[in-house]
Amino acid sequence: MVSALASLPLAGATAACGQVDRQEPERSRLVAYFSRSGNTRVIAGLIQRSVDADLFEIQPASAYPADYLATVEQARQERDSGFEPPLASGVADIAKYDTIYLGFPIWGTTTPPVIRSFLRQHDLSGKTLVPFVTHGGYGLGNAREILASHAPDARIEPPFSMEADQERRTMDAVNAWLGSS
């Protein structure tokens, strides 16, 4: 995972060798993420420390249920109805950031509704958007299309994607164990 993270673009990087006639202005970076089980949060922290960025946790105004299956059902209903839940808070000054690393899990083959809310609430025009995604084995789903439709004037970089299905594997293992009792 570290080598994959090392390949993430670093906005504002300058050449390390040779003379530089003028100094590049410091570019401001933000890592914004939504994480239900903690997988995406871990990656967000790694990125934040690696690129010296500010960190913002995206949270819905009303938390998703603690129960995994209840969350899956709520997310399905939100997705099917097009609902975008209100956020607990937004980024105070999104305009100061040039590059935004945006992290989220894939839910039901798409971005969680709370990410759609974040994208609608914040104008990312002219910004570089660098997605990092966790998923349970189904890949990116339609996340690229959602990002393009909800942040049409942002430059969207290729995403970092990582399978992180521990929660589902844990549930399957416990259920199998209980079934054999």
N, C-alpha and C. Protein backbone atom coordinates (compact mmCIF):
# COMPACT_ATOMS: atom_id res chain seq x y z
N MET A 1 0.82 -1.19 0.00
CA MET A 1 0.00 0.00 0.00
C MET A 1 0.86 1.25 0.00
N VAL A 2 1.95 1.27 0.69
CA VAL A 2 2.78 2.47 0.75
C VAL A 2 3.28 2.85 -0.63
N SER A 3 3.72 1.86 -1.43
CA SER A 3 4.21 2.20 -2.76
C SER A 3 3.10 2.77 -3.62
N ALA A 4 1.87 2.28 -3.47
CA ALA A 4 0.76 2.83 -4.23
C ALA A 4 0.47 4.26 -3.79
N LEU A 5 0.56 4.52 -2.50
CA LEU A 5 0.32 5.88 -2.02
C LEU A 5 1.43 6.81 -2.48
N ALA A 6 2.64 6.29 -2.59
CA ALA A 6 3.76 7.13 -3.03
C ALA A 6 3.56 7.63 -4.44
N SER A 7 2.72 6.92 -5.23
CA SER A 7 2.51 7.35 -6.60
C SER A 7 1.43 8.42 -6.73
N LEU A 8 0.76 8.76 -5.63
CA LEU A 8 -0.24 9.82 -5.68
C LEU A 8 0.45 11.14 -6.02
N PRO A 9 -0.18 11.96 -6.88
CA PRO A 9 0.46 13.21 -7.27
C PRO A 9 0.59 14.16 -6.09
N LEU A 10 1.71 14.82 -6.03
CA LEU A 10 1.94 15.82 -5.00
C LEU A 10 1.85 17.19 -5.66
N ALA A 11 0.77 17.89 -5.42
CA ALA A 11 0.60 19.21 -6.02
C ALA A 11 1.67 20.15 -5.51
N GLY A 12 2.18 20.98 -6.40
CA GLY A 12 3.14 21.98 -6.01
C GLY A 12 4.56 21.47 -5.88
N ALA A 13 4.81 20.21 -6.24
CA ALA A 13 6.17 19.68 -6.14
C ALA A 13 7.06 20.37 -7.16
N THR A 14 8.30 20.64 -6.75
CA THR A 14 9.24 21.28 -7.67
C THR A 14 10.41 20.35 -7.90
N ALA A 15 11.18 20.62 -8.94
CA ALA A 15 12.32 19.78 -9.28
C ALA A 15 13.32 19.78 -8.14
N ALA A 16 13.89 18.59 -7.86
CA ALA A 16 14.83 18.46 -6.75
C ALA A 16 16.26 18.74 -7.19
N CYS A 17 16.54 18.70 -8.47
CA CYS A 17 17.89 18.93 -8.92
C CYS A 17 17.92 20.09 -9.90
N GLY A 18 19.09 20.66 -10.07
CA GLY A 18 19.22 21.82 -10.96
C GLY A 18 18.80 23.08 -10.26
N GLN A 19 19.04 24.19 -10.92
CA GLN A 19 18.66 25.47 -10.32
C GLN A 19 17.24 25.83 -10.71
N VAL A 20 16.58 26.44 -9.80
CA VAL A 20 15.21 26.92 -10.04
C VAL A 20 15.27 28.43 -10.01
N ASP A 21 14.87 29.07 -11.11
CA ASP A 21 14.94 30.53 -11.21
C ASP A 21 13.91 31.20 -10.33
N ARG A 22 12.74 30.57 -10.24
CA ARG A 22 11.71 31.18 -9.41
C ARG A 22 11.07 30.11 -8.54
N GLN A 23 10.67 30.50 -7.39
CA GLN A 23 10.06 29.58 -6.44
C GLN A 23 8.58 29.43 -6.78
N GLU A 24 8.11 28.16 -6.83
CA GLU A 24 6.69 27.91 -7.01
C GLU A 24 5.96 28.38 -5.75
N PRO A 25 4.81 29.03 -5.89
CA PRO A 25 4.07 29.40 -4.68
C PRO A 25 3.58 28.14 -3.96
N GLU A 26 3.53 28.20 -2.67
CA GLU A 26 3.04 27.07 -1.89
C GLU A 26 1.58 26.83 -2.24
N ARG A 27 1.29 25.62 -2.60
CA ARG A 27 -0.07 25.25 -2.96
C ARG A 27 -0.71 24.57 -1.75
N SER A 28 -1.93 24.88 -1.51
CA SER A 28 -2.61 24.36 -0.34
C SER A 28 -3.38 23.09 -0.70
N ARG A 29 -3.26 22.08 0.17
CA ARG A 29 -3.89 20.78 -0.06
C ARG A 29 -4.81 20.43 1.09
N LEU A 30 -5.86 19.70 0.74
CA LEU A 30 -6.84 19.23 1.71
C LEU A 30 -7.08 17.75 1.46
N VAL A 31 -7.15 16.99 2.54
CA VAL A 31 -7.62 15.61 2.48
C VAL A 31 -8.99 15.61 3.14
N ALA A 32 -10.01 15.36 2.34
CA ALA A 32 -11.39 15.27 2.84
C ALA A 32 -11.83 13.82 2.65
N TYR A 33 -12.43 13.25 3.68
CA TYR A 33 -12.78 11.83 3.58
C TYR A 33 -14.04 11.52 4.37
N PHE A 34 -14.70 10.45 3.95
CA PHE A 34 -15.80 9.85 4.68
C PHE A 34 -15.42 8.40 4.93
N SER A 35 -15.57 7.95 6.17
CA SER A 35 -15.22 6.58 6.51
C SER A 35 -16.24 6.04 7.50
N ARG A 36 -16.80 4.88 7.19
CA ARG A 36 -17.74 4.26 8.10
C ARG A 36 -17.03 3.34 9.08
N SER A 37 -16.15 2.48 8.55
CA SER A 37 -15.53 1.46 9.39
C SER A 37 -14.09 1.78 9.78
N GLY A 38 -13.52 2.82 9.21
CA GLY A 38 -12.16 3.22 9.55
C GLY A 38 -11.12 2.95 8.48
N ASN A 39 -11.44 2.13 7.48
CA ASN A 39 -10.47 1.84 6.41
C ASN A 39 -10.05 3.10 5.67
N THR A 40 -11.01 3.89 5.24
CA THR A 40 -10.71 5.10 4.48
C THR A 40 -10.02 6.13 5.37
N ARG A 41 -10.36 6.16 6.65
CA ARG A 41 -9.73 7.08 7.61
C ARG A 41 -8.23 6.81 7.71
N VAL A 42 -7.83 5.56 7.73
CA VAL A 42 -6.41 5.21 7.81
C VAL A 42 -5.66 5.74 6.60
N ILE A 43 -6.22 5.53 5.41
CA ILE A 43 -5.59 6.01 4.18
C ILE A 43 -5.53 7.54 4.19
N ALA A 44 -6.61 8.18 4.63
CA ALA A 44 -6.63 9.64 4.70
C ALA A 44 -5.50 10.17 5.57
N GLY A 45 -5.28 9.54 6.71
CA GLY A 45 -4.19 9.97 7.59
C GLY A 45 -2.82 9.79 6.96
N LEU A 46 -2.63 8.70 6.25
CA LEU A 46 -1.35 8.47 5.56
C LEU A 46 -1.11 9.55 4.51
N ILE A 47 -2.13 9.84 3.73
CA ILE A 47 -2.00 10.87 2.69
C ILE A 47 -1.74 12.23 3.33
N GLN A 48 -2.51 12.56 4.34
CA GLN A 48 -2.39 13.86 5.01
C GLN A 48 -0.98 14.10 5.50
N ARG A 49 -0.38 13.10 6.12
CA ARG A 49 0.98 13.25 6.61
C ARG A 49 2.00 13.28 5.47
N SER A 50 1.75 12.52 4.41
CA SER A 50 2.70 12.44 3.30
C SER A 50 2.76 13.71 2.47
N VAL A 51 1.63 14.39 2.31
CA VAL A 51 1.60 15.58 1.44
C VAL A 51 1.45 16.87 2.23
N ASP A 52 1.51 16.78 3.57
CA ASP A 52 1.39 17.96 4.42
C ASP A 52 0.13 18.75 4.10
N ALA A 53 -1.01 18.09 4.29
CA ALA A 53 -2.30 18.69 3.95
C ALA A 53 -3.15 18.88 5.19
N ASP A 54 -4.17 19.72 5.06
CA ASP A 54 -5.19 19.82 6.09
C ASP A 54 -6.08 18.59 5.98
N LEU A 55 -6.77 18.25 7.07
CA LEU A 55 -7.61 17.06 7.12
C LEU A 55 -9.03 17.46 7.49
N PHE A 56 -10.01 16.92 6.77
CA PHE A 56 -11.41 17.21 7.05
C PHE A 56 -12.21 15.91 6.94
N GLU A 57 -12.92 15.55 8.02
CA GLU A 57 -13.77 14.37 7.98
C GLU A 57 -15.18 14.78 7.56
N ILE A 58 -15.65 14.19 6.49
CA ILE A 58 -17.01 14.44 6.00
C ILE A 58 -17.96 13.59 6.83
N GLN A 59 -18.95 14.26 7.43
CA GLN A 59 -19.91 13.55 8.27
C GLN A 59 -21.32 14.02 7.95
N PRO A 60 -22.27 13.10 7.88
CA PRO A 60 -23.66 13.52 7.69
C PRO A 60 -24.18 14.16 8.98
N ALA A 61 -25.17 15.04 8.83
CA ALA A 61 -25.76 15.69 10.00
C ALA A 61 -26.35 14.65 10.94
N SER A 62 -26.96 13.62 10.39
CA SER A 62 -27.48 12.49 11.18
C SER A 62 -26.63 11.28 10.85
N ALA A 63 -25.98 10.73 11.85
CA ALA A 63 -25.06 9.61 11.63
C ALA A 63 -25.77 8.40 11.05
N TYR A 64 -25.05 7.66 10.24
CA TYR A 64 -25.58 6.39 9.75
C TYR A 64 -25.66 5.42 10.90
N PRO A 65 -26.54 4.41 10.81
CA PRO A 65 -26.68 3.44 11.91
C PRO A 65 -25.36 2.71 12.18
N ALA A 66 -25.15 2.31 13.42
CA ALA A 66 -23.95 1.55 13.78
C ALA A 66 -24.00 0.16 13.16
N ASP A 67 -25.20 -0.38 13.02
CA ASP A 67 -25.37 -1.72 12.45
C ASP A 67 -25.07 -1.69 10.94
N TYR A 68 -24.17 -2.56 10.51
CA TYR A 68 -23.73 -2.59 9.11
C TYR A 68 -24.90 -2.80 8.14
N LEU A 69 -25.75 -3.79 8.41
CA LEU A 69 -26.84 -4.08 7.48
C LEU A 69 -27.87 -2.95 7.44
N ALA A 70 -28.11 -2.29 8.56
CA ALA A 70 -29.01 -1.13 8.57
C ALA A 70 -28.43 0.01 7.74
N THR A 71 -27.12 0.20 7.81
CA THR A 71 -26.46 1.23 6.99
C THR A 71 -26.58 0.90 5.52
N VAL A 72 -26.36 -0.37 5.17
CA VAL A 72 -26.48 -0.80 3.77
C VAL A 72 -27.88 -0.50 3.25
N GLU A 73 -28.89 -0.79 4.03
CA GLU A 73 -30.27 -0.55 3.60
C GLU A 73 -30.56 0.95 3.47
N GLN A 74 -30.12 1.73 4.44
CA GLN A 74 -30.33 3.18 4.36
C GLN A 74 -29.62 3.76 3.14
N ALA A 75 -28.39 3.34 2.91
CA ALA A 75 -27.64 3.84 1.75
C ALA A 75 -28.32 3.45 0.45
N ARG A 76 -28.87 2.24 0.38
CA ARG A 76 -29.60 1.80 -0.82
C ARG A 76 -30.82 2.69 -1.06
N GLN A 77 -31.57 2.97 -0.01
CA GLN A 77 -32.75 3.82 -0.14
C GLN A 77 -32.35 5.23 -0.58
N GLU A 78 -31.29 5.78 0.02
CA GLU A 78 -30.82 7.11 -0.36
C GLU A 78 -30.37 7.13 -1.82
N ARG A 79 -29.61 6.12 -2.22
CA ARG A 79 -29.14 6.04 -3.61
C ARG A 79 -30.32 5.96 -4.57
N ASP A 80 -31.27 5.06 -4.29
CA ASP A 80 -32.39 4.84 -5.20
C ASP A 80 -33.30 6.06 -5.32
N SER A 81 -33.39 6.85 -4.24
CA SER A 81 -34.26 8.04 -4.27
C SER A 81 -33.52 9.30 -4.70
N GLY A 82 -32.18 9.22 -4.81
CA GLY A 82 -31.39 10.40 -5.16
C GLY A 82 -31.17 11.34 -3.99
N PHE A 83 -31.46 10.88 -2.78
CA PHE A 83 -31.32 11.70 -1.59
C PHE A 83 -29.84 11.99 -1.31
N GLU A 84 -29.55 13.25 -1.00
CA GLU A 84 -28.21 13.66 -0.60
C GLU A 84 -28.34 14.26 0.80
N PRO A 85 -27.89 13.54 1.81
CA PRO A 85 -28.11 13.97 3.19
C PRO A 85 -27.36 15.26 3.53
N PRO A 86 -27.94 16.07 4.40
CA PRO A 86 -27.21 17.27 4.86
C PRO A 86 -25.96 16.85 5.61
N LEU A 87 -24.96 17.73 5.56
CA LEU A 87 -23.70 17.46 6.23
C LEU A 87 -23.67 18.11 7.61
N ALA A 88 -22.91 17.51 8.51
CA ALA A 88 -22.74 18.09 9.85
C ALA A 88 -22.04 19.44 9.75
N SER A 89 -21.09 19.55 8.82
CA SER A 89 -20.38 20.80 8.59
C SER A 89 -19.73 20.73 7.22
N GLY A 90 -19.26 21.88 6.79
CA GLY A 90 -18.55 21.95 5.51
C GLY A 90 -17.16 22.50 5.73
N VAL A 91 -16.37 22.49 4.67
CA VAL A 91 -15.03 23.06 4.73
C VAL A 91 -15.19 24.58 4.76
N ALA A 92 -14.65 25.24 5.77
CA ALA A 92 -14.86 26.67 5.98
C ALA A 92 -14.40 27.52 4.80
N ASP A 93 -13.25 27.23 4.24
CA ASP A 93 -12.72 28.06 3.15
C ASP A 93 -12.16 27.16 2.06
N ILE A 94 -13.04 26.51 1.32
CA ILE A 94 -12.62 25.59 0.27
C ILE A 94 -11.81 26.30 -0.81
N ALA A 95 -12.03 27.61 -0.96
CA ALA A 95 -11.34 28.38 -2.00
C ALA A 95 -9.82 28.39 -1.81
N LYS A 96 -9.34 28.22 -0.59
CA LYS A 96 -7.90 28.30 -0.36
C LYS A 96 -7.15 27.04 -0.79
N TYR A 97 -7.88 25.98 -1.15
CA TYR A 97 -7.24 24.73 -1.52
C TYR A 97 -7.16 24.57 -3.04
N ASP A 98 -5.97 24.19 -3.50
CA ASP A 98 -5.77 23.93 -4.92
C ASP A 98 -6.00 22.46 -5.25
N THR A 99 -5.63 21.59 -4.32
CA THR A 99 -5.73 20.15 -4.53
C THR A 99 -6.52 19.55 -3.38
N ILE A 100 -7.49 18.72 -3.75
CA ILE A 100 -8.31 18.05 -2.74
C ILE A 100 -8.23 16.55 -2.97
N TYR A 101 -7.70 15.85 -1.99
CA TYR A 101 -7.70 14.40 -1.98
C TYR A 101 -9.04 14.01 -1.35
N LEU A 102 -9.87 13.29 -2.09
CA LEU A 102 -11.22 12.96 -1.62
C LEU A 102 -11.33 11.46 -1.44
N GLY A 103 -11.57 11.03 -0.20
CA GLY A 103 -11.63 9.61 0.12
C GLY A 103 -13.01 9.16 0.54
N PHE A 104 -13.36 7.96 0.08
CA PHE A 104 -14.67 7.40 0.42
C PHE A 104 -14.70 5.91 0.09
N PRO A 105 -15.59 5.18 0.76
CA PRO A 105 -15.82 3.78 0.38
C PRO A 105 -16.85 3.73 -0.75
N ILE A 106 -16.85 2.65 -1.48
CA ILE A 106 -17.90 2.41 -2.47
C ILE A 106 -19.04 1.70 -1.75
N TRP A 107 -20.22 2.24 -1.90
CA TRP A 107 -21.42 1.64 -1.32
C TRP A 107 -22.38 1.29 -2.44
N GLY A 108 -22.71 0.03 -2.59
CA GLY A 108 -23.68 -0.37 -3.61
C GLY A 108 -23.23 0.03 -5.00
N THR A 109 -21.98 -0.13 -5.30
CA THR A 109 -21.32 0.17 -6.59
C THR A 109 -21.30 1.66 -6.94
N THR A 110 -21.41 2.51 -5.95
CA THR A 110 -21.38 3.95 -6.22
C THR A 110 -20.81 4.71 -5.02
N THR A 111 -20.69 6.02 -5.16
CA THR A 111 -20.23 6.86 -4.05
C THR A 111 -21.34 6.94 -3.00
N PRO A 112 -20.99 7.02 -1.73
CA PRO A 112 -22.01 7.19 -0.70
C PRO A 112 -22.75 8.51 -0.92
N PRO A 113 -24.03 8.55 -0.59
CA PRO A 113 -24.79 9.79 -0.76
C PRO A 113 -24.15 11.00 -0.07
N VAL A 114 -23.48 10.79 1.05
CA VAL A 114 -22.85 11.90 1.77
C VAL A 114 -21.73 12.53 0.93
N ILE A 115 -21.08 11.76 0.08
CA ILE A 115 -20.04 12.32 -0.81
C ILE A 115 -20.68 13.19 -1.88
N ARG A 116 -21.81 12.77 -2.38
CA ARG A 116 -22.54 13.60 -3.35
C ARG A 116 -22.92 14.93 -2.71
N SER A 117 -23.34 14.86 -1.45
CA SER A 117 -23.67 16.10 -0.72
C SER A 117 -22.44 17.00 -0.60
N PHE A 118 -21.31 16.42 -0.25
CA PHE A 118 -20.08 17.19 -0.13
C PHE A 118 -19.73 17.88 -1.45
N LEU A 119 -19.83 17.16 -2.54
CA LEU A 119 -19.50 17.72 -3.85
C LEU A 119 -20.47 18.82 -4.25
N ARG A 120 -21.74 18.67 -3.93
CA ARG A 120 -22.72 19.72 -4.26
C ARG A 120 -22.51 20.97 -3.40
N GLN A 121 -22.10 20.77 -2.15
CA GLN A 121 -21.95 21.89 -1.21
C GLN A 121 -20.69 22.71 -1.45
N HIS A 122 -19.68 22.13 -2.09
CA HIS A 122 -18.39 22.80 -2.26
C HIS A 122 -18.08 23.00 -3.74
N ASP A 123 -17.73 24.22 -4.11
CA ASP A 123 -17.37 24.52 -5.49
C ASP A 123 -15.92 24.12 -5.72
N LEU A 124 -15.72 23.10 -6.54
CA LEU A 124 -14.37 22.60 -6.81
C LEU A 124 -13.88 23.03 -8.19
N SER A 125 -14.50 24.05 -8.74
CA SER A 125 -14.09 24.55 -10.05
C SER A 125 -12.62 24.95 -10.04
N GLY A 126 -11.88 24.47 -11.04
CA GLY A 126 -10.47 24.82 -11.18
C GLY A 126 -9.54 24.09 -10.23
N LYS A 127 -10.07 23.22 -9.39
CA LYS A 127 -9.25 22.49 -8.42
C LYS A 127 -8.87 21.12 -8.98
N THR A 128 -7.81 20.56 -8.43
CA THR A 128 -7.43 19.20 -8.76
C THR A 128 -8.04 18.29 -7.71
N LEU A 129 -8.81 17.32 -8.16
CA LEU A 129 -9.49 16.37 -7.28
C LEU A 129 -8.80 15.02 -7.44
N VAL A 130 -8.27 14.49 -6.34
CA VAL A 130 -7.55 13.23 -6.35
C VAL A 130 -8.32 12.23 -5.48
N PRO A 131 -9.13 11.37 -6.11
CA PRO A 131 -9.93 10.42 -5.32
C PRO A 131 -9.10 9.26 -4.79
N PHE A 132 -9.45 8.81 -3.59
CA PHE A 132 -8.91 7.55 -3.06
C PHE A 132 -10.10 6.79 -2.49
N VAL A 133 -10.20 5.54 -2.89
CA VAL A 133 -11.43 4.78 -2.70
C VAL A 133 -11.12 3.42 -2.07
N THR A 134 -11.97 3.03 -1.12
CA THR A 134 -11.94 1.67 -0.60
C THR A 134 -13.20 0.98 -1.07
N HIS A 135 -13.11 -0.33 -1.24
CA HIS A 135 -14.29 -1.08 -1.70
C HIS A 135 -14.20 -2.51 -1.20
N GLY A 136 -15.31 -3.19 -1.25
CA GLY A 136 -15.38 -4.56 -0.76
C GLY A 136 -15.17 -5.61 -1.82
N GLY A 137 -14.56 -5.26 -2.94
CA GLY A 137 -14.28 -6.24 -3.97
C GLY A 137 -14.93 -5.94 -5.31
N TYR A 138 -15.78 -4.93 -5.35
CA TYR A 138 -16.51 -4.64 -6.58
C TYR A 138 -15.88 -3.50 -7.38
N GLY A 139 -14.76 -2.98 -6.93
CA GLY A 139 -14.09 -1.94 -7.67
C GLY A 139 -14.73 -0.57 -7.49
N LEU A 140 -14.50 0.31 -8.46
CA LEU A 140 -14.92 1.71 -8.37
C LEU A 140 -16.39 1.94 -8.69
N GLY A 141 -17.06 0.95 -9.27
CA GLY A 141 -18.45 1.17 -9.66
C GLY A 141 -18.54 2.37 -10.57
N ASN A 142 -19.51 3.24 -10.33
CA ASN A 142 -19.67 4.44 -11.18
C ASN A 142 -19.10 5.69 -10.50
N ALA A 143 -18.16 5.51 -9.59
CA ALA A 143 -17.61 6.65 -8.85
C ALA A 143 -17.03 7.72 -9.77
N ARG A 144 -16.32 7.33 -10.81
CA ARG A 144 -15.73 8.33 -11.72
C ARG A 144 -16.82 9.19 -12.35
N GLU A 145 -17.89 8.57 -12.78
CA GLU A 145 -18.99 9.31 -13.40
C GLU A 145 -19.65 10.26 -12.41
N ILE A 146 -19.83 9.81 -11.16
CA ILE A 146 -20.42 10.67 -10.13
C ILE A 146 -19.52 11.88 -9.87
N LEU A 147 -18.22 11.64 -9.73
CA LEU A 147 -17.29 12.75 -9.50
C LEU A 147 -17.34 13.74 -10.66
N ALA A 148 -17.35 13.23 -11.88
CA ALA A 148 -17.38 14.11 -13.07
C ALA A 148 -18.68 14.90 -13.14
N SER A 149 -19.80 14.30 -12.76
CA SER A 149 -21.07 15.01 -12.84
C SER A 149 -21.26 16.00 -11.69
N HIS A 150 -20.69 15.70 -10.53
CA HIS A 150 -20.87 16.57 -9.36
C HIS A 150 -19.76 17.60 -9.18
N ALA A 151 -18.66 17.42 -9.89
CA ALA A 151 -17.55 18.39 -9.86
C ALA A 151 -17.08 18.60 -11.30
N PRO A 152 -17.97 19.11 -12.16
CA PRO A 152 -17.68 19.15 -13.60
C PRO A 152 -16.51 20.06 -13.99
N ASP A 153 -16.19 21.03 -13.17
CA ASP A 153 -15.12 21.97 -13.52
C ASP A 153 -13.83 21.72 -12.75
N ALA A 154 -13.74 20.55 -12.13
CA ALA A 154 -12.51 20.15 -11.44
C ALA A 154 -11.69 19.26 -12.38
N ARG A 155 -10.39 19.27 -12.17
CA ARG A 155 -9.53 18.33 -12.89
C ARG A 155 -9.43 17.09 -12.02
N ILE A 156 -9.97 15.98 -12.51
CA ILE A 156 -10.04 14.76 -11.71
C ILE A 156 -8.91 13.82 -12.11
N GLU A 157 -8.07 13.50 -11.14
CA GLU A 157 -6.94 12.60 -11.34
C GLU A 157 -7.41 11.14 -11.27
N PRO A 158 -6.63 10.22 -11.81
CA PRO A 158 -6.97 8.80 -11.66
C PRO A 158 -7.01 8.43 -10.17
N PRO A 159 -7.99 7.63 -9.77
CA PRO A 159 -8.14 7.31 -8.35
C PRO A 159 -7.18 6.24 -7.86
N PHE A 160 -6.86 6.31 -6.57
CA PHE A 160 -6.24 5.20 -5.87
C PHE A 160 -7.39 4.35 -5.36
N SER A 161 -7.34 3.05 -5.59
CA SER A 161 -8.42 2.16 -5.20
C SER A 161 -7.83 0.96 -4.46
N MET A 162 -8.49 0.59 -3.35
CA MET A 162 -8.00 -0.53 -2.55
C MET A 162 -9.15 -1.34 -2.00
N GLU A 163 -9.07 -2.65 -2.17
CA GLU A 163 -10.07 -3.52 -1.58
C GLU A 163 -9.87 -3.55 -0.07
N ALA A 164 -10.93 -3.32 0.66
CA ALA A 164 -10.88 -3.30 2.12
C ALA A 164 -12.18 -3.89 2.64
N ASP A 165 -12.27 -5.21 2.56
CA ASP A 165 -13.54 -5.87 2.88
C ASP A 165 -13.55 -6.57 4.23
N GLN A 166 -12.77 -6.09 5.18
CA GLN A 166 -12.67 -6.75 6.47
C GLN A 166 -14.02 -6.89 7.17
N GLU A 167 -14.85 -5.87 7.08
CA GLU A 167 -16.13 -5.91 7.78
C GLU A 167 -17.00 -7.04 7.25
N ARG A 168 -17.07 -7.17 5.93
CA ARG A 168 -17.89 -8.23 5.33
C ARG A 168 -17.30 -9.60 5.65
N ARG A 169 -15.95 -9.73 5.57
CA ARG A 169 -15.32 -11.02 5.88
C ARG A 169 -15.56 -11.40 7.34
N THR A 170 -15.52 -10.42 8.23
CA THR A 170 -15.78 -10.70 9.65
C THR A 170 -17.21 -11.19 9.84
N MET A 171 -18.16 -10.51 9.21
CA MET A 171 -19.56 -10.94 9.33
C MET A 171 -19.74 -12.35 8.78
N ASP A 172 -19.16 -12.64 7.63
CA ASP A 172 -19.28 -13.98 7.03
C ASP A 172 -18.67 -15.04 7.94
N ALA A 173 -17.49 -14.75 8.51
CA ALA A 173 -16.82 -15.71 9.38
C ALA A 173 -17.64 -15.98 10.64
N VAL A 174 -18.17 -14.94 11.26
CA VAL A 174 -18.98 -15.12 12.48
C VAL A 174 -20.26 -15.87 12.16
N ASN A 175 -20.92 -15.49 11.05
CA ASN A 175 -22.15 -16.20 10.66
C ASN A 175 -21.88 -17.67 10.35
N ALA A 176 -20.77 -17.96 9.69
CA ALA A 176 -20.43 -19.35 9.40
C ALA A 176 -20.17 -20.11 10.69
N TRP A 177 -19.47 -19.47 11.61
CA TRP A 177 -19.20 -20.11 12.90
C TRP A 177 -20.50 -20.38 13.66
N LEU A 178 -21.38 -19.38 13.69
CA LEU A 178 -22.66 -19.56 14.38
C LEU A 178 -23.50 -20.62 13.72
N GLY A 179 -23.42 -20.71 12.39
CA GLY A 179 -24.19 -21.73 11.65
C GLY A 179 -23.69 -23.14 11.91
N SER A 180 -22.43 -23.27 12.30
CA SER A 180 -21.88 -24.60 12.54
C SER A 180 -22.06 -25.05 13.97
N SER A 181 -22.58 -24.17 14.81
CA SER A 181 -22.75 -24.50 16.24
C SER A 181 -23.96 -25.36 16.47
